[in-house]
Protein backbone atom coordinates (compact mmCIF):
# COMPACT_ATOMS: atom_id res chain seq x y z
CA UNK A 1 -96.42 -37.90 25.66
CA UNK A 2 -95.31 -37.44 29.46
CA UNK A 3 -92.63 -40.58 28.59
CA UNK A 4 -91.63 -39.17 25.63
CA UNK A 5 -90.74 -35.95 27.19
CA UNK A 6 -89.08 -37.63 29.98
CA UNK A 7 -86.93 -39.41 27.47
CA UNK A 8 -86.01 -36.13 25.69
CA UNK A 9 -84.67 -34.70 29.10
CA UNK A 10 -82.48 -37.99 30.41
CA UNK A 11 -81.21 -37.73 26.65
CA UNK A 12 -80.25 -33.95 27.12
CA UNK A 13 -79.33 -34.96 30.93
CA UNK A 14 -76.82 -37.82 29.39
CA UNK A 15 -75.31 -35.50 26.51
CA UNK A 16 -74.53 -32.54 29.31
CA UNK A 17 -72.89 -35.39 31.37
CA UNK A 18 -70.38 -36.84 28.26
CA UNK A 19 -69.56 -33.26 27.79
CA UNK A 20 -68.54 -32.54 30.90
CA UNK A 21 -66.85 -36.12 31.66
CA UNK A 22 -64.78 -35.02 28.80
CA UNK A 23 -63.83 -31.54 29.83
CA UNK A 24 -62.98 -33.13 32.90
CA UNK A 25 -60.68 -35.55 31.15
CA UNK A 26 -59.20 -32.22 28.86
CA UNK A 27 -58.31 -30.72 32.14
CA UNK A 28 -57.28 -33.89 33.58
CA UNK A 29 -54.70 -34.04 30.64
CA UNK A 30 -54.09 -29.90 31.01
CA UNK A 31 -53.24 -30.67 34.80
CA UNK A 32 -50.96 -33.69 33.94
CA UNK A 33 -48.78 -31.71 31.65
CA UNK A 34 -48.45 -29.18 33.43
CA UNK A 35 -47.08 -31.51 36.37
CA UNK A 36 -45.28 -33.32 34.20
CA UNK A 37 -43.58 -29.73 32.60
CA UNK A 38 -43.29 -28.73 36.35
CA UNK A 39 -41.31 -32.00 37.29
CA UNK A 40 -38.82 -31.19 34.07
CA UNK A 41 -37.98 -27.58 35.48
CA UNK A 42 -37.32 -29.12 38.57
CA UNK A 43 -34.75 -31.33 37.21
CA UNK A 44 -33.11 -29.00 35.42
CA UNK A 45 -32.92 -26.72 38.34
CA UNK A 46 -31.58 -29.31 40.22
CA UNK A 47 -28.83 -29.88 37.35
CA UNK A 48 -28.14 -26.45 36.87
CA UNK A 49 -28.05 -25.55 40.40
CA UNK A 50 -24.09 -27.33 40.79
CA UNK A 51 -23.61 -25.72 37.36
CA UNK A 52 -24.70 -22.47 38.52
CA UNK A 53 -22.60 -22.33 42.19
CA UNK A 54 -19.05 -23.55 39.63
CA UNK A 55 -19.66 -20.55 37.74
CA UNK A 56 -20.31 -18.27 40.33
CA UNK A 57 -17.19 -19.32 42.00
CA UNK A 58 -15.00 -19.36 39.28
CA UNK A 59 -16.27 -15.58 38.55
CA UNK A 60 -15.30 -14.72 41.87
CA UNK A 61 -11.75 -16.17 41.63
CA UNK A 62 -11.59 -14.26 38.37
CA UNK A 63 -12.73 -11.17 39.91
CA UNK A 64 -10.38 -11.48 43.00
CA UNK A 65 -7.67 -11.81 40.73
CA UNK A 66 -8.49 -8.77 38.59
CA UNK A 67 -9.58 -6.68 41.68
CA UNK A 68 -5.49 -5.51 42.36
CA UNK A 69 -5.54 -4.16 38.95
CA UNK A 70 -9.01 -3.10 37.92
CA UNK A 71 -11.24 -1.53 40.61
CA UNK A 72 -15.24 -2.13 40.62
CA UNK A 73 -16.30 1.25 39.56
CA UNK A 74 -13.76 1.11 36.85
CA UNK A 75 -15.93 -1.78 35.50
CA UNK A 76 -19.15 -0.37 36.36
CA UNK A 77 -17.86 2.86 34.32
CA UNK A 78 -16.57 0.94 31.57
CA UNK A 79 -20.02 -0.90 31.23
CA UNK A 80 -21.82 2.58 31.40
CA UNK A 81 -19.64 3.75 28.69
CA UNK A 82 -19.98 0.68 26.30
CA UNK A 83 -23.69 1.14 26.62
CA UNK A 84 -23.65 4.78 25.78
CA UNK A 85 -21.58 4.11 22.93
CA UNK A 86 -23.69 1.23 21.50
CA UNK A 87 -25.00 3.23 18.67
CA UNK A 88 -21.18 4.28 17.63
CA UNK A 89 -20.22 0.43 18.41
CA UNK A 90 -23.12 -0.40 16.03
CA UNK A 91 -22.33 2.03 13.34
CA UNK A 92 -18.31 0.59 13.41
CA UNK A 93 -19.15 -2.72 12.92
CA UNK A 94 -21.30 -1.57 9.52
CA UNK A 95 -18.52 -0.22 8.26
CA UNK A 96 -16.05 -3.43 8.84
CA UNK A 97 -18.97 -5.48 7.17
CA UNK A 98 -19.04 -2.66 4.20
CA UNK A 99 -15.38 -2.82 3.85
CA UNK A 100 -15.55 -6.56 4.11
CA UNK A 101 -18.00 -6.95 0.98
CA UNK A 102 -15.81 -3.99 -0.48
CA UNK A 103 -13.08 -6.23 0.12
CA UNK A 104 -15.01 -9.58 -1.44
CA UNK A 105 -16.16 -7.32 -4.14
CA UNK A 106 -12.58 -6.25 -5.13
CA UNK A 107 -10.86 -9.37 -4.56
CA UNK A 108 -11.67 -10.57 -8.16
CA UNK A 109 -10.17 -7.27 -9.61
CA UNK A 110 -7.32 -6.93 -7.55
CA UNK A 111 -6.17 -10.60 -8.94
CA UNK A 112 -6.57 -9.40 -12.52
CA UNK A 113 -4.11 -6.32 -11.77
CA UNK A 114 -1.83 -8.92 -10.36
CA UNK A 115 -1.47 -10.72 -13.03
CA UNK A 116 -1.55 -7.79 -15.36
CA UNK A 117 1.35 -6.39 -13.15
CA UNK A 118 3.11 -9.95 -13.59
CA UNK A 119 2.81 -9.85 -17.37
CA UNK A 120 4.25 -6.05 -17.54
CA UNK A 121 7.19 -7.11 -15.54
CA UNK A 122 7.57 -9.98 -17.43
CA UNK A 123 7.47 -7.95 -20.36
CA UNK A 124 10.10 -4.79 -19.10
CA UNK A 125 12.37 -8.25 -18.09
CA UNK A 126 12.39 -9.54 -21.29
CA UNK A 127 13.15 -6.16 -23.07
CA UNK A 128 16.37 -5.43 -20.84
CA UNK A 129 14.70 -3.04 -18.62
CA UNK A 130 16.07 -4.61 -15.10
CA UNK A 131 19.30 -5.05 -16.96
CA UNK A 132 19.38 -1.64 -17.56
CA UNK A 133 18.59 -0.10 -14.38
CA UNK A 134 21.24 -2.62 -12.98
CA UNK A 135 23.94 -0.82 -15.06
CA UNK A 136 22.67 2.16 -13.88
CA UNK A 137 22.98 1.71 -10.58
CA UNK A 138 26.15 0.20 -11.22
CA UNK A 139 27.33 3.19 -12.44
CA UNK A 140 25.57 5.71 -10.18
CA UNK A 141 27.30 3.52 -6.95
CA UNK A 142 30.85 4.51 -8.85
CA UNK A 143 30.02 7.94 -9.20
CA UNK A 144 29.21 8.11 -5.33
CA UNK A 145 32.39 6.25 -4.36
CA UNK A 146 34.29 8.39 -6.47
CA UNK A 147 33.36 11.70 -4.69
CA UNK A 148 34.51 12.78 -1.88
CA UNK A 149 32.52 15.56 0.16
CA UNK A 150 34.56 18.45 -0.97
CA UNK A 151 34.08 17.36 -4.48
CA UNK A 152 30.33 17.63 -4.01
CA UNK A 153 30.21 20.42 -2.08
CA UNK A 154 32.41 22.11 -5.37
CA UNK A 155 30.09 20.20 -7.67
CA UNK A 156 27.17 21.66 -5.63
CA UNK A 157 28.48 25.38 -5.95
CA UNK A 158 29.16 24.92 -9.76
CA UNK A 159 26.31 23.27 -10.66
CA UNK A 160 24.60 26.08 -12.49
CA UNK A 161 27.30 26.50 -14.34
CA UNK A 162 27.60 23.06 -15.53
CA UNK A 163 24.51 23.27 -16.32
CA UNK A 164 24.77 26.09 -18.08
CA UNK A 165 27.68 24.99 -20.27
CA UNK A 166 25.98 21.62 -21.16
CA UNK A 167 23.19 23.45 -22.35
CA UNK A 168 25.50 25.39 -24.73
CA UNK A 169 27.44 21.99 -25.64
CA UNK A 170 23.91 20.47 -26.67
CA UNK A 171 22.62 23.64 -28.72
CA UNK A 172 21.48 22.31 -32.64
CA UNK A 173 24.60 24.37 -34.11
CA UNK A 174 26.79 22.94 -31.99
CA UNK A 175 25.74 19.11 -32.02
CA UNK A 176 25.95 19.88 -35.75
CA UNK A 177 29.45 20.83 -35.49
CA UNK A 178 30.66 18.25 -33.27
CA UNK A 179 29.35 15.78 -35.97
CA UNK A 180 30.68 17.33 -39.23
CA UNK A 181 33.82 17.12 -36.61
CA UNK A 182 33.44 13.56 -36.19
CA UNK A 183 33.05 12.43 -39.63
CA UNK A 184 35.97 14.48 -40.84
CA UNK A 185 38.05 12.87 -38.82
CA UNK A 186 36.82 9.36 -39.47
CA UNK A 187 37.16 10.56 -43.20
CA UNK A 188 41.04 11.69 -43.24
CA UNK A 189 41.91 8.92 -40.47
CA UNK A 190 45.38 7.78 -41.23
CA UNK A 191 45.91 10.19 -43.93
CA UNK A 192 49.00 12.39 -44.70
CA UNK A 193 48.77 15.98 -45.92
CA UNK A 194 51.92 17.66 -46.76
CA UNK A 195 52.68 21.41 -46.35
CA UNK A 196 51.80 21.89 -50.02
CA UNK A 197 48.18 20.77 -49.52
CA UNK A 198 48.43 22.29 -46.36
CA UNK A 199 48.81 25.67 -47.60
CA UNK A 200 45.84 24.98 -50.20
CA UNK A 201 43.62 24.53 -47.57
CA UNK A 202 44.49 27.57 -45.57
CA UNK A 203 42.95 29.58 -48.86
CA UNK A 204 39.35 28.06 -47.93
CA UNK A 205 37.36 30.97 -46.10
CA UNK A 206 35.79 28.00 -44.33
CA UNK A 207 39.12 26.51 -43.16
CA UNK A 208 40.08 30.41 -42.16
CA UNK A 209 36.77 30.46 -40.18
CA UNK A 210 37.41 27.47 -38.46
CA UNK A 211 40.86 28.25 -37.29
CA UNK A 212 39.97 31.44 -36.37
CA UNK A 213 37.42 30.03 -33.68
CA UNK A 214 40.12 27.44 -32.73
CA UNK A 215 42.36 30.57 -31.68
CA UNK A 216 39.50 32.33 -29.99
CA UNK A 217 39.17 29.13 -28.23
CA UNK A 218 42.79 28.98 -27.33
CA UNK A 219 42.91 32.86 -26.46
CA UNK A 220 40.06 32.35 -23.77
CA UNK A 221 41.89 29.23 -22.40
CA UNK A 222 44.82 31.96 -21.99
CA UNK A 223 43.02 34.31 -20.16
CA UNK A 224 43.89 35.20 -16.44
CA UNK A 225 40.31 34.01 -14.94
CA UNK A 226 40.70 30.53 -17.08
CA UNK A 227 44.51 30.05 -15.80
CA UNK A 228 43.03 30.46 -11.94
CA UNK A 229 40.80 27.91 -12.51
CA UNK A 230 42.90 25.54 -13.52
CA UNK A 231 44.10 22.67 -11.06
CA UNK A 232 47.02 23.12 -9.35
CA UNK A 233 48.47 20.15 -10.86
CA UNK A 234 47.82 21.61 -13.99
CA UNK A 235 49.25 24.81 -13.81
CA UNK A 236 52.43 22.77 -12.52
CA UNK A 237 52.78 20.50 -15.47
CA UNK A 238 51.84 23.82 -17.55
CA UNK A 239 54.74 25.63 -16.69
């Protein structure tokens, strides 16, 4: 039994020795890995050292160039302000992103609007709106070039009177009267009326009322105020 116990103890010792050897092997692998990473870092530092030196020299040269225009204190103050205003800058960037998203959402709609507008413009062109507008523009150009500054001043002074006259002339009764007169002139165009027939027509109450209105118009034209309003050339020709 003593031999058996001794053998068990030896087996336990061997097991512990094997476990310890495994741990030592793992520790050796870990140390080897650490050494390899340290060598890599050393190689990286060796490679970056010249680049860092060149970058530092470049920054130094750039700072020397702008030193005559910008003071270091100004740069420091600007940096502090930018750091202090970072929330506002972030909000501004969010708004820009929102506008960009809105533009992306509105792009298809804008395309449809442009297509509808082009179709509408094509329809207006086919119906002659643009030709009519060009004609109206030519008329306005003739009107503008035909009136002097004095004419425009007189027109401004009498614009109320002109509008009132146009208003009176466009009353339904006046328009009907002009229409009947135009129709009568077309019907009697080229017709010769003798003296007896003319005297016969004077017996009609409507003819007498019409002549009375015409005489009233002639009387109003003979008033001194109306004569004073006539141009000098009209007065000369009338005299």
